[in-house]
């Protein structure tokens, strides 16, 4: 498993914990919003900053998707 996938799983699990839900529910939400690939591709940025910054960015991506911006 490559570093990007390991980090993606780490991010997914910690985001789910942050939202007080499960990783499978979060992944389903990301997939439904069409942001999963975007989040995965953000590895270069997300892995070097505070994870809370990634959470904020993901929340913004989900809001944009809900508003039809993605």
N, C-alpha and C. Protein backbone atom coordinates (compact mmCIF):
# COMPACT_ATOMS: atom_id res chain seq x y z
N UNK A 1 0.85 -1.17 0.00
CA UNK A 1 0.00 0.00 0.00
C UNK A 1 0.90 1.24 0.00
N UNK A 2 0.59 2.19 -0.88
CA UNK A 2 1.42 3.38 -0.98
C UNK A 2 1.10 4.40 0.12
N UNK A 3 1.97 5.38 0.27
CA UNK A 3 1.84 6.38 1.32
C UNK A 3 0.54 7.17 1.19
N UNK A 4 0.14 7.45 -0.05
CA UNK A 4 -1.09 8.22 -0.27
C UNK A 4 -2.30 7.46 0.26
N UNK A 5 -2.37 6.17 -0.02
CA UNK A 5 -3.50 5.37 0.44
C UNK A 5 -3.49 5.23 1.96
N UNK A 6 -2.32 5.02 2.55
CA UNK A 6 -2.24 4.93 4.01
C UNK A 6 -2.73 6.22 4.65
N UNK A 7 -2.31 7.35 4.10
CA UNK A 7 -2.75 8.62 4.66
C UNK A 7 -4.25 8.84 4.43
N UNK A 8 -4.75 8.46 3.26
CA UNK A 8 -6.17 8.61 2.98
C UNK A 8 -7.00 7.85 4.00
N UNK A 9 -6.60 6.63 4.31
CA UNK A 9 -7.31 5.83 5.31
C UNK A 9 -7.22 6.49 6.68
N UNK A 10 -6.04 6.97 7.03
CA UNK A 10 -5.85 7.69 8.30
C UNK A 10 -6.77 8.90 8.37
N UNK A 11 -6.80 9.69 7.29
CA UNK A 11 -7.63 10.89 7.23
C UNK A 11 -9.10 10.52 7.33
N UNK A 12 -9.52 9.53 6.59
CA UNK A 12 -10.91 9.08 6.60
C UNK A 12 -11.33 8.67 8.01
N UNK A 13 -10.52 7.85 8.66
CA UNK A 13 -10.87 7.37 10.00
C UNK A 13 -10.91 8.51 11.02
N UNK A 14 -9.96 9.43 10.93
CA UNK A 14 -9.94 10.53 11.88
C UNK A 14 -11.03 11.57 11.60
N UNK A 15 -11.36 11.77 10.34
CA UNK A 15 -12.47 12.66 10.00
C UNK A 15 -13.78 12.06 10.54
N UNK A 16 -13.96 10.77 10.38
CA UNK A 16 -15.15 10.10 10.89
C UNK A 16 -15.24 10.24 12.41
N UNK A 17 -14.12 10.04 13.08
CA UNK A 17 -14.09 10.21 14.54
C UNK A 17 -14.44 11.64 14.91
N UNK A 18 -13.89 12.60 14.19
CA UNK A 18 -14.16 14.02 14.42
C UNK A 18 -15.65 14.33 14.26
N UNK A 19 -16.29 13.66 13.31
CA UNK A 19 -17.72 13.88 13.04
C UNK A 19 -18.61 12.95 13.86
N UNK A 20 -17.99 12.12 14.69
CA UNK A 20 -18.70 11.17 15.55
C UNK A 20 -19.59 10.22 14.74
N UNK A 21 -18.99 9.65 13.73
CA UNK A 21 -19.66 8.69 12.88
C UNK A 21 -18.66 7.61 12.46
N UNK A 22 -19.01 6.81 11.50
CA UNK A 22 -18.10 5.74 11.07
C UNK A 22 -17.47 6.07 9.73
N UNK A 23 -16.35 5.44 9.46
CA UNK A 23 -15.61 5.67 8.22
C UNK A 23 -16.43 5.26 7.00
N UNK A 24 -17.20 4.19 7.11
CA UNK A 24 -17.99 3.78 5.95
C UNK A 24 -19.08 4.79 5.60
N UNK A 25 -19.66 5.42 6.60
CA UNK A 25 -20.66 6.47 6.36
C UNK A 25 -20.00 7.69 5.73
N UNK A 26 -18.84 8.07 6.25
CA UNK A 26 -18.12 9.23 5.70
C UNK A 26 -17.73 8.97 4.25
N UNK A 27 -17.19 7.79 3.97
CA UNK A 27 -16.79 7.48 2.60
C UNK A 27 -18.00 7.51 1.66
N UNK A 28 -19.12 7.02 2.11
CA UNK A 28 -20.34 7.07 1.30
C UNK A 28 -20.75 8.52 1.04
N UNK A 29 -20.62 9.38 2.05
CA UNK A 29 -20.94 10.80 1.87
C UNK A 29 -19.99 11.45 0.87
N UNK A 30 -18.70 11.16 1.00
CA UNK A 30 -17.71 11.72 0.09
C UNK A 30 -17.98 11.25 -1.33
N UNK A 31 -18.28 9.96 -1.49
CA UNK A 31 -18.57 9.42 -2.81
C UNK A 31 -19.82 10.08 -3.40
N UNK A 32 -20.87 10.20 -2.60
CA UNK A 32 -22.12 10.80 -3.08
C UNK A 32 -21.92 12.26 -3.50
N UNK A 33 -21.03 12.96 -2.78
CA UNK A 33 -20.75 14.36 -3.10
C UNK A 33 -19.75 14.50 -4.24
N UNK A 34 -19.11 13.40 -4.61
CA UNK A 34 -18.13 13.43 -5.70
C UNK A 34 -16.80 14.06 -5.32
N UNK A 35 -16.44 13.98 -4.04
CA UNK A 35 -15.20 14.63 -3.59
C UNK A 35 -14.11 13.66 -3.16
N UNK A 36 -14.37 12.37 -3.22
CA UNK A 36 -13.40 11.39 -2.74
C UNK A 36 -12.07 11.49 -3.48
N UNK A 37 -12.11 11.54 -4.79
CA UNK A 37 -10.87 11.63 -5.57
C UNK A 37 -10.12 12.93 -5.28
N UNK A 38 -10.85 14.01 -5.14
CA UNK A 38 -10.23 15.30 -4.81
C UNK A 38 -9.50 15.21 -3.48
N UNK A 39 -10.15 14.64 -2.49
CA UNK A 39 -9.55 14.50 -1.17
C UNK A 39 -8.30 13.62 -1.26
N UNK A 40 -8.39 12.51 -1.98
CA UNK A 40 -7.24 11.61 -2.14
C UNK A 40 -6.07 12.34 -2.79
N UNK A 41 -6.35 13.13 -3.81
CA UNK A 41 -5.30 13.85 -4.53
C UNK A 41 -4.69 15.00 -3.71
N UNK A 42 -5.30 15.37 -2.60
CA UNK A 42 -4.78 16.46 -1.77
C UNK A 42 -3.70 15.98 -0.80
N UNK A 43 -3.27 14.74 -0.93
CA UNK A 43 -2.23 14.18 -0.05
C UNK A 43 -1.03 15.11 0.11
N UNK A 44 -0.46 15.67 -0.98
CA UNK A 44 0.73 16.51 -0.80
C UNK A 44 0.52 17.67 0.17
N UNK A 45 -0.67 18.22 0.17
CA UNK A 45 -0.97 19.34 1.08
C UNK A 45 -1.39 18.84 2.46
N UNK A 46 -2.31 17.89 2.49
CA UNK A 46 -2.90 17.47 3.76
C UNK A 46 -1.90 16.80 4.70
N UNK A 47 -0.96 16.06 4.19
CA UNK A 47 -0.09 15.30 5.10
C UNK A 47 0.96 16.16 5.78
N UNK A 48 1.11 17.42 5.35
CA UNK A 48 2.12 18.28 5.97
C UNK A 48 1.52 19.38 6.85
N UNK A 49 0.21 19.41 6.96
CA UNK A 49 -0.43 20.44 7.78
C UNK A 49 -1.22 19.78 8.90
N UNK A 50 -1.74 20.60 9.79
CA UNK A 50 -2.56 20.08 10.88
C UNK A 50 -3.79 19.41 10.30
N UNK A 51 -4.14 18.26 10.84
CA UNK A 51 -5.26 17.50 10.29
C UNK A 51 -6.56 18.29 10.37
N UNK A 52 -6.68 19.18 11.34
CA UNK A 52 -7.87 20.01 11.46
C UNK A 52 -8.05 20.91 10.23
N UNK A 53 -6.95 21.32 9.62
CA UNK A 53 -7.03 22.11 8.39
C UNK A 53 -7.64 21.27 7.26
N UNK A 54 -7.26 20.01 7.20
CA UNK A 54 -7.84 19.12 6.20
C UNK A 54 -9.34 18.95 6.47
N UNK A 55 -9.72 18.80 7.74
CA UNK A 55 -11.13 18.67 8.09
C UNK A 55 -11.91 19.90 7.60
N UNK A 56 -11.36 21.09 7.84
CA UNK A 56 -12.02 22.32 7.40
C UNK A 56 -12.16 22.36 5.88
N UNK A 57 -11.11 21.94 5.20
CA UNK A 57 -11.14 21.92 3.74
C UNK A 57 -12.18 20.92 3.23
N UNK A 58 -12.23 19.77 3.84
CA UNK A 58 -13.20 18.75 3.44
C UNK A 58 -14.61 19.26 3.67
N UNK A 59 -14.85 19.89 4.79
CA UNK A 59 -16.17 20.47 5.06
C UNK A 59 -16.54 21.49 3.98
N UNK A 60 -15.56 22.30 3.56
CA UNK A 60 -15.82 23.28 2.51
C UNK A 60 -16.12 22.60 1.18
N UNK A 61 -15.40 21.52 0.86
CA UNK A 61 -15.66 20.76 -0.36
C UNK A 61 -17.08 20.18 -0.35
N UNK A 62 -17.49 19.67 0.80
CA UNK A 62 -18.83 19.09 0.90
C UNK A 62 -19.90 20.16 0.78
N UNK A 63 -19.64 21.34 1.34
CA UNK A 63 -20.59 22.44 1.22
C UNK A 63 -20.71 22.88 -0.23
N UNK A 64 -19.56 23.01 -0.91
CA UNK A 64 -19.57 23.39 -2.32
C UNK A 64 -20.33 22.36 -3.16
N UNK A 65 -20.10 21.10 -2.87
CA UNK A 65 -20.79 20.03 -3.62
C UNK A 65 -22.30 20.10 -3.38
N UNK A 66 -22.69 20.36 -2.14
CA UNK A 66 -24.11 20.45 -1.81
C UNK A 66 -24.77 21.63 -2.51
N UNK A 67 -23.98 22.68 -2.75
CA UNK A 67 -24.48 23.88 -3.42
C UNK A 67 -24.32 23.82 -4.93
N UNK A 68 -23.84 22.68 -5.41
CA UNK A 68 -23.69 22.49 -6.85
C UNK A 68 -22.46 23.11 -7.45
N UNK A 69 -21.47 23.47 -6.63
CA UNK A 69 -20.26 24.12 -7.12
C UNK A 69 -19.21 23.13 -7.61
N UNK A 70 -19.33 21.86 -7.26
CA UNK A 70 -18.33 20.87 -7.68
C UNK A 70 -18.75 20.18 -8.95
